[in-house]
Amino acid sequence: FSSNYTLYADMSARVMNIIKDHFDNTEVYSIDEAFVSIN
């Protein structure tokens, strides 16, 4: 497949939104990675 950055960016946003819904302290580090802080 040729790179489809429009699709990848949208899918990334969907994943990151789920993560942000679960954790207040979230850092979107890259298109496919996120750090979260938990106690």
Full PDB file with SEQRES, HELIX, SHEET, SSBOND, CRYST1, ORIGX, SCALE, CONECT and MASTER records, all heavy atoms in Angstrom:
SEQRES   1 A   39  PHE SER SER ASN TYR THR LEU TYR ALA ASP MET SER ALA          
SEQRES   2 A   39  ARG VAL MET ASN ILE ILE LYS ASP HIS PHE ASP ASN THR          
SEQRES   3 A   39  GLU VAL TYR SER ILE ASP GLU ALA PHE VAL SER ILE ASN          
HELIX    1 AA1 TYR A    5  HIS A   22  1                                  18    
SHEET    1 AA1 2 THR A  26  SER A  30  0                                        
SHEET    2 AA1 2 GLU A  33  VAL A  36 -1                                        
CRYST1    1.000    1.000    1.000  90.00  90.00  90.00 P 1           1          
ORIGX1      1.000000  0.000000  0.000000        0.00000                         
ORIGX2      0.000000  1.000000  0.000000        0.00000                         
ORIGX3      0.000000  0.000000  1.000000        0.00000                         
SCALE1      1.000000  0.000000  0.000000        0.00000                         
SCALE2      0.000000  1.000000  0.000000        0.00000                         
SCALE3      0.000000  0.000000  1.000000        0.00000                         
ATOM      1  N   PHE A   1       0.832  -1.202   0.000  1.00  0.00           N  
ATOM      2  CA  PHE A   1       0.000   0.000   0.000  1.00  0.00           C  
ATOM      3  C   PHE A   1       0.869   1.255   0.000  1.00  0.00           C  
ATOM      4  O   PHE A   1       1.913   1.295   0.661  1.00  0.00           O  
ATOM      5  CB  PHE A   1      -0.916   0.029   1.235  1.00  0.00           C  
ATOM      6  CG  PHE A   1      -1.976  -1.027   1.220  1.00  0.00           C  
ATOM      7  CD1 PHE A   1      -1.730  -2.271   1.780  1.00  0.00           C  
ATOM      8  CD2 PHE A   1      -3.204  -0.784   0.635  1.00  0.00           C  
ATOM      9  CE1 PHE A   1      -2.693  -3.268   1.756  1.00  0.00           C  
ATOM     10  CE2 PHE A   1      -4.184  -1.773   0.614  1.00  0.00           C  
ATOM     11  CZ  PHE A   1      -3.930  -3.016   1.173  1.00  0.00           C  
ATOM     12  N   SER A   2       0.429   2.242  -0.764  1.00  0.00           N  
ATOM     13  CA  SER A   2       1.044   3.564  -0.656  1.00  0.00           C  
ATOM     14  C   SER A   2       0.593   4.189   0.655  1.00  0.00           C  
ATOM     15  O   SER A   2      -0.492   3.875   1.171  1.00  0.00           O  
ATOM     16  CB  SER A   2       0.612   4.447  -1.831  1.00  0.00           C  
ATOM     17  OG  SER A   2       0.974   3.863  -3.066  1.00  0.00           O  
ATOM     18  N   SER A   3       1.394   5.082   1.204  1.00  0.00           N  
ATOM     19  CA  SER A   3       1.038   5.718   2.476  1.00  0.00           C  
ATOM     20  C   SER A   3      -0.213   6.575   2.320  1.00  0.00           C  
ATOM     21  O   SER A   3      -0.342   7.341   1.369  1.00  0.00           O  
ATOM     22  CB  SER A   3       2.200   6.566   2.992  1.00  0.00           C  
ATOM     23  OG  SER A   3       2.694   7.411   1.969  1.00  0.00           O  
ATOM     24  N   ASN A   4      -1.138   6.409   3.268  1.00  0.00           N  
ATOM     25  CA  ASN A   4      -2.407   7.136   3.272  1.00  0.00           C  
ATOM     26  C   ASN A   4      -2.492   7.906   4.590  1.00  0.00           C  
ATOM     27  O   ASN A   4      -3.157   7.487   5.533  1.00  0.00           O  
ATOM     28  CB  ASN A   4      -3.569   6.157   3.132  1.00  0.00           C  
ATOM     29  CG  ASN A   4      -4.915   6.851   3.005  1.00  0.00           C  
ATOM     30  OD1 ASN A   4      -5.038   8.043   3.257  1.00  0.00           O  
ATOM     31  ND2 ASN A   4      -5.943   6.106   2.635  1.00  0.00           N  
ATOM     32  N   TYR A   5      -1.779   9.050   4.644  1.00  0.00           N  
ATOM     33  CA  TYR A   5      -1.641   9.765   5.911  1.00  0.00           C  
ATOM     34  C   TYR A   5      -2.962  10.342   6.417  1.00  0.00           C  
ATOM     35  O   TYR A   5      -3.133  10.526   7.625  1.00  0.00           O  
ATOM     36  CB  TYR A   5      -0.594  10.871   5.768  1.00  0.00           C  
ATOM     37  CG  TYR A   5       0.790  10.331   5.470  1.00  0.00           C  
ATOM     38  CD1 TYR A   5       1.438  10.655   4.282  1.00  0.00           C  
ATOM     39  CD2 TYR A   5       1.431   9.480   6.354  1.00  0.00           C  
ATOM     40  CE1 TYR A   5       2.698  10.139   3.990  1.00  0.00           C  
ATOM     41  CE2 TYR A   5       2.687   8.963   6.076  1.00  0.00           C  
ATOM     42  CZ  TYR A   5       3.313   9.296   4.893  1.00  0.00           C  
ATOM     43  OH  TYR A   5       4.552   8.781   4.603  1.00  0.00           O  
ATOM     44  N   THR A   6      -3.893  10.607   5.501  1.00  0.00           N  
ATOM     45  CA  THR A   6      -5.208  11.106   5.927  1.00  0.00           C  
ATOM     46  C   THR A   6      -5.922  10.052   6.759  1.00  0.00           C  
ATOM     47  O   THR A   6      -6.482  10.345   7.827  1.00  0.00           O  
ATOM     48  CB  THR A   6      -6.053  11.480   4.702  1.00  0.00           C  
ATOM     49  OG1 THR A   6      -5.358  12.450   3.928  1.00  0.00           O  
ATOM     50  CG2 THR A   6      -7.402  12.049   5.129  1.00  0.00           C  
ATOM     51  N   LEU A   7      -5.902   8.820   6.285  1.00  0.00           N  
ATOM     52  CA  LEU A   7      -6.522   7.711   7.020  1.00  0.00           C  
ATOM     53  C   LEU A   7      -5.803   7.472   8.345  1.00  0.00           C  
ATOM     54  O   LEU A   7      -6.449   7.337   9.393  1.00  0.00           O  
ATOM     55  CB  LEU A   7      -6.490   6.446   6.177  1.00  0.00           C  
ATOM     56  CG  LEU A   7      -6.964   5.155   6.855  1.00  0.00           C  
ATOM     57  CD1 LEU A   7      -8.449   5.251   7.200  1.00  0.00           C  
ATOM     58  CD2 LEU A   7      -6.695   3.936   5.973  1.00  0.00           C  
ATOM     59  N   TYR A   8      -4.473   7.466   8.319  1.00  0.00           N  
ATOM     60  CA  TYR A   8      -3.706   7.170   9.530  1.00  0.00           C  
ATOM     61  C   TYR A   8      -3.926   8.238  10.602  1.00  0.00           C  
ATOM     62  O   TYR A   8      -4.059   7.917  11.787  1.00  0.00           O  
ATOM     63  CB  TYR A   8      -2.213   7.055   9.212  1.00  0.00           C  
ATOM     64  CG  TYR A   8      -1.881   6.092   8.089  1.00  0.00           C  
ATOM     65  CD1 TYR A   8      -0.751   6.273   7.299  1.00  0.00           C  
ATOM     66  CD2 TYR A   8      -2.711   5.009   7.804  1.00  0.00           C  
ATOM     67  CE1 TYR A   8      -0.443   5.392   6.263  1.00  0.00           C  
ATOM     68  CE2 TYR A   8      -2.412   4.128   6.766  1.00  0.00           C  
ATOM     69  CZ  TYR A   8      -1.287   4.328   5.996  1.00  0.00           C  
ATOM     70  OH  TYR A   8      -0.991   3.470   4.966  1.00  0.00           O  
ATOM     71  N   ALA A   9      -3.978   9.501  10.186  1.00  0.00           N  
ATOM     72  CA  ALA A   9      -4.181  10.587  11.154  1.00  0.00           C  
ATOM     73  C   ALA A   9      -5.559  10.485  11.799  1.00  0.00           C  
ATOM     74  O   ALA A   9      -5.711  10.707  13.014  1.00  0.00           O  
ATOM     75  CB  ALA A   9      -4.021  11.938  10.462  1.00  0.00           C  
ATOM     76  N   ASP A  10      -6.577  10.145  11.011  1.00  0.00           N  
ATOM     77  CA  ASP A  10      -7.929  10.039  11.559  1.00  0.00           C  
ATOM     78  C   ASP A  10      -8.047   8.847  12.505  1.00  0.00           C  
ATOM     79  O   ASP A  10      -8.648   8.953  13.582  1.00  0.00           O  
ATOM     80  CB  ASP A  10      -8.946   9.908  10.425  1.00  0.00           C  
ATOM     81  CG  ASP A  10     -10.376   9.938  10.940  1.00  0.00           C  
ATOM     82  OD1 ASP A  10     -10.806  11.020  11.386  1.00  0.00           O  
ATOM     83  OD2 ASP A  10     -11.044   8.890  10.921  1.00  0.00           O  
ATOM     84  N   MET A  11      -7.462   7.721  12.132  1.00  0.00           N  
ATOM     85  CA  MET A  11      -7.506   6.551  13.013  1.00  0.00           C  
ATOM     86  C   MET A  11      -6.726   6.816  14.303  1.00  0.00           C  
ATOM     87  O   MET A  11      -7.134   6.384  15.389  1.00  0.00           O  
ATOM     88  CB  MET A  11      -6.931   5.330  12.291  1.00  0.00           C  
ATOM     89  CG  MET A  11      -7.761   4.855  11.101  1.00  0.00           C  
ATOM     90  SD  MET A  11      -9.454   4.416  11.555  1.00  0.00           S  
ATOM     91  CE  MET A  11      -9.176   2.943  12.525  1.00  0.00           C  
ATOM     92  N   SER A  12      -5.620   7.539  14.185  1.00  0.00           N  
ATOM     93  CA  SER A  12      -4.849   7.913  15.371  1.00  0.00           C  
ATOM     94  C   SER A  12      -5.697   8.760  16.315  1.00  0.00           C  
ATOM     95  O   SER A  12      -5.707   8.533  17.535  1.00  0.00           O  
ATOM     96  CB  SER A  12      -3.595   8.682  14.959  1.00  0.00           C  
ATOM     97  OG  SER A  12      -2.931   9.212  16.086  1.00  0.00           O  
ATOM     98  N   ALA A  13      -6.408   9.735  15.753  1.00  0.00           N  
ATOM     99  CA  ALA A  13      -7.248  10.615  16.577  1.00  0.00           C  
ATOM    100  C   ALA A  13      -8.314   9.815  17.316  1.00  0.00           C  
ATOM    101  O   ALA A  13      -8.625  10.096  18.486  1.00  0.00           O  
ATOM    102  CB  ALA A  13      -7.902  11.680  15.699  1.00  0.00           C  
ATOM    103  N   ARG A  14      -8.860   8.799  16.674  1.00  0.00           N  
ATOM    104  CA  ARG A  14      -9.886   7.965  17.319  1.00  0.00           C  
ATOM    105  C   ARG A  14      -9.301   7.189  18.499  1.00  0.00           C  
ATOM    106  O   ARG A  14      -9.922   7.102  19.567  1.00  0.00           O  
ATOM    107  CB  ARG A  14     -10.492   7.003  16.296  1.00  0.00           C  
ATOM    108  CG  ARG A  14     -11.303   7.709  15.216  1.00  0.00           C  
ATOM    109  CD  ARG A  14     -11.622   6.803  14.035  1.00  0.00           C  
ATOM    110  NE  ARG A  14     -12.245   7.557  12.967  1.00  0.00           N  
ATOM    111  CZ  ARG A  14     -13.499   7.397  12.541  1.00  0.00           C  
ATOM    112  NH1 ARG A  14     -14.269   6.492  13.110  1.00  0.00           N  
ATOM    113  NH2 ARG A  14     -13.989   8.141  11.569  1.00  0.00           N  
ATOM    114  N   VAL A  15      -8.112   6.630  18.296  1.00  0.00           N  
ATOM    115  CA  VAL A  15      -7.457   5.893  19.384  1.00  0.00           C  
ATOM    116  C   VAL A  15      -7.128   6.834  20.543  1.00  0.00           C  
ATOM    117  O   VAL A  15      -7.404   6.533  21.717  1.00  0.00           O  
ATOM    118  CB  VAL A  15      -6.170   5.204  18.883  1.00  0.00           C  
ATOM    119  CG1 VAL A  15      -5.377   4.615  20.049  1.00  0.00           C  
ATOM    120  CG2 VAL A  15      -6.501   4.109  17.872  1.00  0.00           C  
ATOM    121  N   MET A  16      -6.555   7.996  20.217  1.00  0.00           N  
ATOM    122  CA  MET A  16      -6.143   8.939  21.264  1.00  0.00           C  
ATOM    123  C   MET A  16      -7.343   9.488  22.040  1.00  0.00           C  
ATOM    124  O   MET A  16      -7.256   9.728  23.249  1.00  0.00           O  
ATOM    125  CB  MET A  16      -5.335  10.087  20.654  1.00  0.00           C  
ATOM    126  CG  MET A  16      -4.051   9.646  19.959  1.00  0.00           C  
ATOM    127  SD  MET A  16      -2.986   8.625  21.019  1.00  0.00           S  
ATOM    128  CE  MET A  16      -1.848   7.929  19.811  1.00  0.00           C  
ATOM    129  N   ASN A  17      -8.472   9.675  21.375  1.00  0.00           N  
ATOM    130  CA  ASN A  17      -9.667  10.169  22.066  1.00  0.00           C  
ATOM    131  C   ASN A  17     -10.179   9.151  23.090  1.00  0.00           C  
ATOM    132  O   ASN A  17     -10.653   9.527  24.168  1.00  0.00           O  
ATOM    133  CB  ASN A  17     -10.767  10.495  21.050  1.00  0.00           C  
ATOM    134  CG  ASN A  17     -10.496  11.787  20.307  1.00  0.00           C  
ATOM    135  OD1 ASN A  17      -9.766  12.648  20.796  1.00  0.00           O  
ATOM    136  ND2 ASN A  17     -11.069  11.934  19.130  1.00  0.00           N  
ATOM    137  N   ILE A  18     -10.080   7.868  22.755  1.00  0.00           N  
ATOM    138  CA  ILE A  18     -10.480   6.825  23.719  1.00  0.00           C  
ATOM    139  C   ILE A  18      -9.569   6.871  24.942  1.00  0.00           C  
ATOM    140  O   ILE A  18     -10.027   6.798  26.085  1.00  0.00           O  
ATOM    141  CB  ILE A  18     -10.421   5.431  23.057  1.00  0.00           C  
ATOM    142  CG1 ILE A  18     -11.459   5.327  21.943  1.00  0.00           C  
ATOM    143  CG2 ILE A  18     -10.660   4.337  24.104  1.00  0.00           C  
ATOM    144  CD1 ILE A  18     -11.336   4.069  21.103  1.00  0.00           C  
ATOM    145  N   ILE A  19      -8.273   7.008  24.691  1.00  0.00           N  
ATOM    146  CA  ILE A  19      -7.302   7.071  25.792  1.00  0.00           C  
ATOM    147  C   ILE A  19      -7.568   8.290  26.673  1.00  0.00           C  
ATOM    148  O   ILE A  19      -7.574   8.200  27.906  1.00  0.00           O  
ATOM    149  CB  ILE A  19      -5.861   7.098  25.232  1.00  0.00           C  
ATOM    150  CG1 ILE A  19      -5.550   5.794  24.503  1.00  0.00           C  
ATOM    151  CG2 ILE A  19      -4.856   7.343  26.355  1.00  0.00           C  
ATOM    152  CD1 ILE A  19      -4.252   5.814  23.719  1.00  0.00           C  
ATOM    153  N   LYS A  20      -7.805   9.443  26.043  1.00  0.00           N  
ATOM    154  CA  LYS A  20      -8.053  10.678  26.806  1.00  0.00           C  
ATOM    155  C   LYS A  20      -9.324  10.591  27.630  1.00  0.00           C  
ATOM    156  O   LYS A  20      -9.427  11.210  28.695  1.00  0.00           O  
ATOM    157  CB  LYS A  20      -8.129  11.872  25.853  1.00  0.00           C  
ATOM    158  CG  LYS A  20      -6.785  12.257  25.245  1.00  0.00           C  
ATOM    159  CD  LYS A  20      -6.946  13.383  24.238  1.00  0.00           C  
ATOM    160  CE  LYS A  20      -5.621  13.750  23.595  1.00  0.00           C  
ATOM    161  NZ  LYS A  20      -5.790  14.811  22.554  1.00  0.00           N  
ATOM    162  N   ASP A  21     -10.308   9.824  27.150  1.00  0.00           N  
ATOM    163  CA  ASP A  21     -11.540   9.648  27.917  1.00  0.00           C  
ATOM    164  C   ASP A  21     -11.295   8.879  29.217  1.00  0.00           C  
ATOM    165  O   ASP A  21     -12.055   9.009  30.178  1.00  0.00           O  
ATOM    166  CB  ASP A  21     -12.586   8.899  27.072  1.00  0.00           C  
ATOM    167  CG  ASP A  21     -13.219   9.790  26.021  1.00  0.00           C  
ATOM    168  OD1 ASP A  21     -13.094  11.027  26.136  1.00  0.00           O  
ATOM    169  OD2 ASP A  21     -13.818   9.251  25.065  1.00  0.00           O  
ATOM    170  N   HIS A  22     -10.241   8.075  29.245  1.00  0.00           N  
ATOM    171  CA  HIS A  22      -9.943   7.254  30.414  1.00  0.00           C  
ATOM    172  C   HIS A  22      -8.955   7.906  31.379  1.00  0.00           C  
ATOM    173  O   HIS A  22      -8.966   7.606  32.574  1.00  0.00           O  
ATOM    174  CB  HIS A  22      -9.384   5.893  29.979  1.00  0.00           C  
ATOM    175  CG  HIS A  22     -10.420   4.914  29.540  1.00  0.00           C  
ATOM    176  ND1 HIS A  22     -11.118   5.036  28.352  1.00  0.00           N  
ATOM    177  CD2 HIS A  22     -10.907   3.786  30.142  1.00  0.00           C  
ATOM    178  CE1 HIS A  22     -11.962   4.036  28.233  1.00  0.00           C  
ATOM    179  NE2 HIS A  22     -11.861   3.264  29.297  1.00  0.00           N  
ATOM    180  N   PHE A  23      -8.083   8.765  30.841  1.00  0.00           N  
ATOM    181  CA  PHE A  23      -7.019   9.335  31.674  1.00  0.00           C  
ATOM    182  C   PHE A  23      -6.931  10.848  31.476  1.00  0.00           C  
ATOM    183  O   PHE A  23      -6.866  11.332  30.343  1.00  0.00           O  
ATOM    184  CB  PHE A  23      -5.661   8.702  31.320  1.00  0.00           C  
ATOM    185  CG  PHE A  23      -5.646   7.207  31.431  1.00  0.00           C  
ATOM    186  CD1 PHE A  23      -5.781   6.422  30.302  1.00  0.00           C  
ATOM    187  CD2 PHE A  23      -5.516   6.591  32.669  1.00  0.00           C  
ATOM    188  CE1 PHE A  23      -5.774   5.042  30.392  1.00  0.00           C  
ATOM    189  CE2 PHE A  23      -5.517   5.215  32.776  1.00  0.00           C  
ATOM    190  CZ  PHE A  23      -5.649   4.430  31.642  1.00  0.00           C  
ATOM    191  N   ASP A  24      -6.924  11.581  32.588  1.00  0.00           N  
ATOM    192  CA  ASP A  24      -6.820  13.040  32.523  1.00  0.00           C  
ATOM    193  C   ASP A  24      -5.425  13.474  32.088  1.00  0.00           C  
ATOM    194  O   ASP A  24      -5.267  14.441  31.344  1.00  0.00           O  
ATOM    195  CB  ASP A  24      -7.149  13.658  33.884  1.00  0.00           C  
ATOM    196  CG  ASP A  24      -8.608  13.442  34.268  1.00  0.00           C  
ATOM    197  OD1 ASP A  24      -9.445  13.376  33.352  1.00  0.00           O  
ATOM    198  OD2 ASP A  24      -8.890  13.318  35.472  1.00  0.00           O  
ATOM    199  N   ASN A  25      -4.430  12.760  32.581  1.00  0.00           N  
ATOM    200  CA  ASN A  25      -3.042  13.151  32.319  1.00  0.00           C  
ATOM    201  C   ASN A  25      -2.487  12.310  31.166  1.00  0.00           C  
ATOM    202  O   ASN A  25      -1.917  11.239  31.366  1.00  0.00           O  
ATOM    203  CB  ASN A  25      -2.194  12.950  33.580  1.00  0.00           C  
ATOM    204  CG  ASN A  25      -0.933  13.797  33.556  1.00  0.00           C  
ATOM    205  OD1 ASN A  25      -0.736  14.617  32.658  1.00  0.00           O  
ATOM    206  ND2 ASN A  25      -0.070  13.589  34.529  1.00  0.00           N  
ATOM    207  N   THR A  26      -2.692  12.797  29.945  1.00  0.00           N  
ATOM    208  CA  THR A  26      -2.314  12.057  28.737  1.00  0.00           C  
ATOM    209  C   THR A  26      -1.404  12.901  27.857  1.00  0.00           C  
ATOM    210  O   THR A  26      -1.663  14.085  27.639  1.00  0.00           O  
ATOM    211  CB  THR A  26      -3.564  11.664  27.921  1.00  0.00           C  
ATOM    212  OG1 THR A  26      -4.412  10.848  28.723  1.00  0.00           O  
ATOM    213  CG2 THR A  26      -3.182  10.903  26.662  1.00  0.00           C  
ATOM    214  N   GLU A  27      -0.350  12.292  27.350  1.00  0.00           N  
ATOM    215  CA  GLU A  27       0.543  12.951  26.399  1.00  0.00           C  
ATOM    216  C   GLU A  27       0.546  12.161  25.090  1.00  0.00           C  
ATOM    217  O   GLU A  27       0.979  11.011  25.049  1.00  0.00           O  
ATOM    218  CB  GLU A  27       1.976  13.017  26.934  1.00  0.00           C  
ATOM    219  CG  GLU A  27       2.974  13.582  25.922  1.00  0.00           C  
ATOM    220  CD  GLU A  27       4.421  13.479  26.383  1.00  0.00           C  
ATOM    221  OE1 GLU A  27       4.646  13.267  27.595  1.00  0.00           O  
ATOM    222  OE2 GLU A  27       5.336  13.599  25.538  1.00  0.00           O  
ATOM    223  N   VAL A  28       0.027  12.788  24.028  1.00  0.00           N  
ATOM    224  CA  VAL A  28       0.093  12.163  22.707  1.00  0.00           C  
ATOM    225  C   VAL A  28       1.512  12.377  22.192  1.00  0.00           C  
ATOM    226  O   VAL A  28       1.877  13.469  21.774  1.00  0.00           O  
ATOM    227  CB  VAL A  28      -0.941  12.771  21.742  1.00  0.00           C  
ATOM    228  CG1 VAL A  28      -0.817  12.141  20.360  1.00  0.00           C  
ATOM    229  CG2 VAL A  28      -2.358  12.584  22.286  1.00  0.00           C  
ATOM    230  N   TYR A  29       2.306  11.315  22.248  1.00  0.00           N  
ATOM    231  CA  TYR A  29       3.733  11.429  21.946  1.00  0.00           C  
ATOM    232  C   TYR A  29       4.002  11.395  20.441  1.00  0.00           C  
ATOM    233  O   TYR A  29       4.892  12.080  19.945  1.00  0.00           O  
ATOM    234  CB  TYR A  29       4.498  10.311  22.655  1.00  0.00           C  
ATOM    235  CG  TYR A  29       5.988  10.354  22.425  1.00  0.00           C  
ATOM    236  CD1 TYR A  29       6.757  11.400  22.924  1.00  0.00           C  
ATOM    237  CD2 TYR A  29       6.629   9.351  21.695  1.00  0.00           C  
ATOM    238  CE1 TYR A  29       8.123  11.447  22.713  1.00  0.00           C  
ATOM    239  CE2 TYR A  29       7.995   9.390  21.483  1.00  0.00           C  
ATOM    240  CZ  TYR A  29       8.738  10.441  21.985  1.00  0.00           C  
ATOM    241  OH  TYR A  29      10.083  10.491  21.764  1.00  0.00           O  
ATOM    242  N   SER A  30       3.253  10.589  19.721  1.00  0.00           N  
ATOM    243  CA  SER A  30       3.406  10.503  18.273  1.00  0.00           C  
ATOM    244  C   SER A  30       2.094  10.015  17.679  1.00  0.00           C  
ATOM    245  O   SER A  30       1.114   9.824  18.412  1.00  0.00           O  
ATOM    246  CB  SER A  30       4.548   9.545  17.899  1.00  0.00           C  
ATOM    247  OG  SER A  30       4.213   8.213  18.236  1.00  0.00           O  
ATOM    248  N   ILE A  31       2.061   9.787  16.373  1.00  0.00           N  
ATOM    249  CA  ILE A  31       0.820   9.375  15.720  1.00  0.00           C  
ATOM    250  C   ILE A  31       0.324   8.033  16.256  1.00  0.00           C  
ATOM    251  O   ILE A  31      -0.874   7.757  16.241  1.00  0.00           O  
ATOM    252  CB  ILE A  31       1.000   9.311  14.179  1.00  0.00           C  
ATOM    253  CG1 ILE A  31      -0.354   9.208  13.479  1.00  0.00           C  
ATOM    254  CG2 ILE A  31       1.928   8.164  13.774  1.00  0.00           C  
ATOM    255  CD1 ILE A  31      -0.288   9.385  11.979  1.00  0.00           C  
ATOM    256  N   ASP A  32       1.222   7.199  16.801  1.00  0.00           N  
ATOM    257  CA  ASP A  32       0.806   5.876  17.260  1.00  0.00           C  
ATOM    258  C   ASP A  32       1.200   5.575  18.709  1.00  0.00           C  
ATOM    259  O   ASP A  32       1.147   4.431  19.139  1.00  0.00           O  
ATOM    260  CB  ASP A  32       1.368   4.788  16.341  1.00  0.00           C  
ATOM    261  CG  ASP A  32       2.893   4.761  16.315  1.00  0.00           C  
ATOM    262  OD1 ASP A  32       3.512   5.716  16.816  1.00  0.00           O  
ATOM    263  OD2 ASP A  32       3.463   3.785  15.792  1.00  0.00           O  
ATOM    264  N   GLU A  33       1.564   6.604  19.479  1.00  0.00           N  
ATOM    265  CA  GLU A  33       1.982   6.395  20.862  1.00  0.00           C  
ATOM    266  C   GLU A  33       1.409   7.466  21.782  1.00  0.00           C  
ATOM    267  O   GLU A  33       1.325   8.633  21.400  1.00  0.00           O  
ATOM    268  CB  GLU A  33       3.508   6.431  20.991  1.00  0.00           C  
ATOM    269  CG  GLU A  33       4.253   5.314  20.290  1.00  0.00           C  
ATOM    270  CD  GLU A  33       5.749   5.503  20.400  1.00  0.00           C  
ATOM    271  OE1 GLU A  33       6.246   6.536  19.910  1.00  0.00           O  
ATOM    272  OE2 GLU A  33       6.428   4.635  20.977  1.00  0.00           O  
ATOM    273  N   ALA A  34       1.067   7.052  23.000  1.00  0.00           N  
ATOM    274  CA  ALA A  34       0.614   8.006  24.017  1.00  0.00           C  
ATOM    275  C   ALA A  34       1.087   7.549  25.391  1.00  0.00           C  
ATOM    276  O   ALA A  34       1.035   6.354  25.712  1.00  0.00           O  
ATOM    277  CB  ALA A  34      -0.907   8.139  23.993  1.00  0.00           C  
ATOM    278  N   PHE A  35       1.567   8.498  26.186  1.00  0.00           N  
ATOM    279  CA  PHE A  35       1.908   8.238  27.580  1.00  0.00           C  
ATOM    280  C   PHE A  35       0.733   8.658  28.457  1.00  0.00           C  
ATOM    281  O   PHE A  35       0.083   9.675  28.189  1.00  0.00           O  
ATOM    282  CB  PHE A  35       3.135   9.044  28.014  1.00  0.00           C  
ATOM    283  CG  PHE A  35       4.448   8.546  27.458  1.00  0.00           C  
ATOM    284  CD1 PHE A  35       5.081   9.232  26.430  1.00  0.00           C  
ATOM    285  CD2 PHE A  35       5.052   7.418  27.982  1.00  0.00           C  
ATOM    286  CE1 PHE A  35       6.293   8.805  25.922  1.00  0.00           C  
ATOM    287  CE2 PHE A  35       6.274   6.978  27.485  1.00  0.00           C  
ATOM    288  CZ  PHE A  35       6.899   7.667  26.449  1.00  0.00           C  
ATOM    289  N   VAL A  36       0.475   7.894  29.510  1.00  0.00           N  
ATOM    290  CA  VAL A  36      -0.532   8.299  30.503  1.00  0.00           C  
ATOM    291  C   VAL A  36       0.057   8.107  31.894  1.00  0.00           C  
ATOM    292  O   VAL A  36       0.914   7.244  32.115  1.00  0.00           O  
ATOM    293  CB  VAL A  36      -1.852   7.496  30.365  1.00  0.00           C  
ATOM    294  CG1 VAL A  36      -2.464   7.713  28.997  1.00  0.00           C  
ATOM    295  CG2 VAL A  36      -1.636   6.018  30.635  1.00  0.00           C  
ATOM    296  N   SER A  37      -0.406   8.922  32.820  1.00  0.00           N  
ATOM    297  CA  SER A  37       0.029   8.832  34.215  1.00  0.00           C  
ATOM    298  C   SER A  37      -1.138   8.330  35.054  1.00  0.00           C  
ATOM    299  O   SER A  37      -2.265   8.822  34.924  1.00  0.00           O  
ATOM    300  CB  SER A  37       0.479  10.211  34.698  1.00  0.00           C  
ATOM    301  OG  SER A  37       0.832  10.170  36.062  1.00  0.00           O  
ATOM    302  N   ILE A  38      -0.881   7.323  35.893  1.00  0.00           N  
ATOM    303  CA  ILE A  38      -1.949   6.763  36.718  1.00  0.00           C  
ATOM    304  C   ILE A  38      -1.447   6.503  38.130  1.00  0.00           C  
ATOM    305  O   ILE A  38      -0.263   6.274  38.354  1.00  0.00           O  
ATOM    306  CB  ILE A  38      -2.539   5.433  36.138  1.00  0.00           C  
ATOM    307  CG1 ILE A  38      -1.495   4.378  35.997  1.00  0.00           C  
ATOM    308  CG2 ILE A  38      -3.374   5.655  34.928  1.00  0.00           C  
ATOM    309  CD1 ILE A  38      -0.700   4.295  34.715  1.00  0.00           C  
ATOM    310  N   ASN A  39      -2.368   6.539  39.078  1.00  0.00           N  
ATOM    311  CA  ASN A  39      -2.067   6.195  40.467  1.00  0.00           C  
ATOM    312  C   ASN A  39      -2.779   4.892  40.802  1.00  0.00           C  
ATOM    313  O   ASN A  39      -3.970   4.738  40.532  1.00  0.00           O  
ATOM    314  CB  ASN A  39      -2.537   7.297  41.419  1.00  0.00           C  
ATOM    315  CG  ASN A  39      -1.647   8.526  41.335  1.00  0.00           C  
ATOM    316  OD1 ASN A  39      -0.484   8.490  41.696  1.00  0.00           O  
ATOM    317  ND2 ASN A  39      -2.202   9.617  40.825  1.00  0.00           N  
TER     318      ASN A  39                                                      
MASTER        0    0    0    1    2    0    0    6  317    1    0    3          
END                                                                             
